């Protein structure tokens, strides 16, 4: 029998007992951006670094308003979300130079993160980023510390001033 120790996961497991409400709504209303991994705040949208990423640079673009499905977005929210998503792809290209991206949307609890709050994921991808660890060990290796990821992306957003 093989064992993989991942003690950092205990914080996530225990946090589900402590969390009150939607983590996206909490990030919208809570002003400590670095603590909540908030990279950008627009008028109608917010960009959050994924705390449990699939790859370095995995972010979420979310409407500030708590809604479940895309058809609940008003035209102003739709426009800003798509513009923010596009600009964040540009930022991630500048920071990580990936070979491509996976972009997906989570709609309702069963789609992921256990949240009803609509959100878009942007995941940078590289040729070969799914290697033997993922295939044989069913383990994903993230080569960058989450704090470093936050700092690199935040700096690029400020320097590029496209948001």
Protein backbone atom coordinates (compact mmCIF):
# COMPACT_ATOMS: atom_id res chain seq x y z
CA UNK A 1 0.00 0.00 0.00
CA UNK A 2 1.26 3.47 -0.91
CA UNK A 3 0.81 6.52 1.29
CA UNK A 4 1.02 10.12 0.19
CA UNK A 5 1.17 12.60 3.02
CA UNK A 6 -0.40 15.97 2.28
CA UNK A 7 -0.66 17.75 5.65
CA UNK A 8 -1.59 21.07 4.03
CA UNK A 9 -4.94 19.50 3.04
CA UNK A 10 -6.04 19.35 6.69
CA UNK A 11 -6.48 23.13 6.70
CA UNK A 12 -8.91 22.73 3.77
CA UNK A 13 -10.76 19.84 5.39
CA UNK A 14 -11.17 21.70 8.67
CA UNK A 15 -12.07 24.99 6.97
CA UNK A 16 -15.30 23.49 5.64
CA UNK A 17 -16.51 23.32 9.22
CA UNK A 18 -15.51 26.92 9.92
CA UNK A 19 -16.64 28.60 6.70
CA UNK A 20 -19.71 30.71 7.00
CA UNK A 21 -21.39 31.34 3.67
CA UNK A 22 -20.04 31.64 0.17
CA UNK A 23 -16.25 32.04 -0.10
CA UNK A 24 -16.67 34.31 -3.14
CA UNK A 25 -19.17 36.58 -1.36
CA UNK A 26 -16.86 36.60 1.66
CA UNK A 27 -13.96 37.70 -0.58
CA UNK A 28 -16.15 40.41 -2.12
CA UNK A 29 -17.11 41.86 1.27
CA UNK A 30 -13.87 41.24 3.17
CA UNK A 31 -11.21 43.89 2.55
CA UNK A 32 -8.06 41.82 3.21
CA UNK A 33 -7.31 41.00 -0.42
CA UNK A 34 -4.02 39.17 0.05
CA UNK A 35 -5.49 36.96 2.77
CA UNK A 36 -8.42 36.09 0.50
CA UNK A 37 -6.18 35.81 -2.59
CA UNK A 38 -8.11 38.59 -4.35
CA UNK A 39 -6.08 39.80 -7.32
CA UNK A 40 -8.45 42.38 -8.77
CA UNK A 41 -11.75 44.08 -7.97
CA UNK A 42 -13.84 45.59 -10.74
CA UNK A 43 -17.18 47.32 -10.49
CA UNK A 44 -19.08 44.07 -11.09
CA UNK A 45 -16.41 41.37 -10.96
CA UNK A 46 -13.65 40.00 -8.80
CA UNK A 47 -10.59 37.88 -9.64
CA UNK A 48 -9.46 35.34 -7.05
CA UNK A 49 -6.46 33.03 -7.09
CA UNK A 50 -7.59 29.43 -6.63
CA UNK A 51 -6.43 28.30 -3.18
CA UNK A 52 -6.30 24.66 -4.36
CA UNK A 53 -5.03 25.04 -7.94
CA UNK A 54 -4.74 22.51 -10.75
CA UNK A 55 -1.66 24.40 -12.00
CA UNK A 56 0.30 27.51 -11.05
CA UNK A 57 -1.68 30.59 -12.02
CA UNK A 58 -5.12 28.94 -11.68
CA UNK A 59 -7.54 31.82 -11.10
CA UNK A 60 -11.29 32.41 -10.91
CA UNK A 61 -13.19 35.33 -12.43
CA UNK A 62 -16.48 35.85 -10.60
CA UNK A 63 -19.38 38.27 -10.64
CA UNK A 64 -19.54 40.19 -7.38
CA UNK A 65 -23.26 39.61 -7.17
CA UNK A 66 -24.20 36.17 -5.86
CA UNK A 67 -25.94 34.46 -8.75
CA UNK A 68 -26.17 30.82 -9.81
CA UNK A 69 -26.48 30.84 -13.59
CA UNK A 70 -25.23 32.96 -16.51
CA UNK A 71 -28.70 34.08 -17.59
CA UNK A 72 -29.05 35.94 -14.28
CA UNK A 73 -26.19 38.27 -15.27
CA UNK A 74 -27.22 41.69 -16.48
CA UNK A 75 -25.56 43.05 -19.64
CA UNK A 76 -23.12 45.21 -17.67
CA UNK A 77 -21.97 42.19 -15.61
CA UNK A 78 -21.67 40.01 -18.73
CA UNK A 79 -19.54 42.60 -20.49
CA UNK A 80 -17.23 43.17 -17.53
CA UNK A 81 -16.83 39.44 -16.79
CA UNK A 82 -15.80 38.67 -20.38
CA UNK A 83 -13.47 41.66 -20.56
CA UNK A 84 -11.88 40.74 -17.22
CA UNK A 85 -11.54 37.10 -18.25
CA UNK A 86 -9.83 38.13 -21.52
CA UNK A 87 -7.48 40.53 -19.78
CA UNK A 88 -6.56 37.93 -17.16
CA UNK A 89 -5.60 35.50 -19.93
CA UNK A 90 -3.23 38.22 -21.19
CA UNK A 91 -1.79 38.69 -17.68
CA UNK A 92 -1.26 34.94 -17.25
CA UNK A 93 0.43 34.76 -20.67
CA UNK A 94 2.84 37.48 -19.56
CA UNK A 95 3.62 35.86 -16.20
CA UNK A 96 3.72 32.14 -17.09
CA UNK A 97 4.08 31.82 -20.89
CA UNK A 98 1.82 28.74 -20.97
CA UNK A 99 1.23 26.65 -24.05
CA UNK A 100 -2.53 27.11 -23.66
CA UNK A 101 -5.41 27.48 -21.25
CA UNK A 102 -8.42 25.61 -19.98
CA UNK A 103 -11.28 28.00 -19.31
CA UNK A 104 -14.46 26.68 -17.74
CA UNK A 105 -17.46 27.88 -15.82
CA UNK A 106 -18.89 26.35 -12.65
CA UNK A 107 -22.65 26.57 -12.42
CA UNK A 108 -24.21 25.56 -9.09
CA UNK A 109 -22.87 23.35 -6.28
CA UNK A 110 -22.47 20.06 -8.14
CA UNK A 111 -20.19 21.70 -10.72
CA UNK A 112 -17.41 22.32 -8.22
CA UNK A 113 -16.17 24.15 -5.16
CA UNK A 114 -19.46 23.40 -3.43
CA UNK A 115 -20.65 26.91 -4.27
CA UNK A 116 -23.79 28.21 -5.91
CA UNK A 117 -21.92 31.38 -6.91
CA UNK A 118 -21.23 31.42 -10.65
CA UNK A 119 -17.50 31.53 -11.42
CA UNK A 120 -15.12 31.06 -14.34
CA UNK A 121 -11.82 29.18 -14.01
CA UNK A 122 -8.73 30.01 -16.04
CA UNK A 123 -6.05 27.31 -15.81
CA UNK A 124 -2.71 27.80 -17.58
CA UNK A 125 -1.52 24.61 -19.33
CA UNK A 126 1.83 23.43 -20.67
CA UNK A 127 2.71 20.53 -22.92
CA UNK A 128 3.62 17.71 -20.55
CA UNK A 129 2.09 19.24 -17.42
CA UNK A 130 0.22 15.98 -16.96
CA UNK A 131 3.11 13.62 -16.39
CA UNK A 132 3.69 10.32 -14.65
CA UNK A 133 2.78 11.80 -11.25
CA UNK A 134 -0.76 12.55 -12.43
CA UNK A 135 -1.10 9.37 -14.48
CA UNK A 136 0.43 6.74 -12.22
CA UNK A 137 0.44 8.43 -8.83
CA UNK A 138 -2.84 10.31 -9.24
CA UNK A 139 -0.97 13.27 -7.78
CA UNK A 140 -0.64 16.78 -9.19
CA UNK A 141 2.63 18.61 -8.57
CA UNK A 142 2.30 22.38 -8.24
CA UNK A 143 5.79 23.85 -8.63
CA UNK A 144 5.11 27.27 -7.11
CA UNK A 145 4.12 28.40 -3.63
CA UNK A 146 0.65 30.01 -3.55
CA UNK A 147 2.06 33.23 -2.03
CA UNK A 148 4.60 33.52 -4.86
CA UNK A 149 1.86 32.90 -7.43
CA UNK A 150 -0.25 35.66 -5.87
CA UNK A 151 2.68 38.11 -5.84
CA UNK A 152 3.67 37.41 -9.47
CA UNK A 153 0.15 37.83 -10.84
CA UNK A 154 -0.67 40.87 -8.68
CA UNK A 155 2.54 42.59 -9.79
CA UNK A 156 1.81 41.88 -13.46
CA UNK A 157 -1.73 43.28 -13.13
CA UNK A 158 -0.32 46.49 -11.65
CA UNK A 159 2.53 46.80 -14.17
CA UNK A 160 0.43 46.02 -17.24
CA UNK A 161 -2.38 48.31 -16.03
CA UNK A 162 -4.89 46.69 -18.37
CA UNK A 163 -7.54 46.16 -15.73
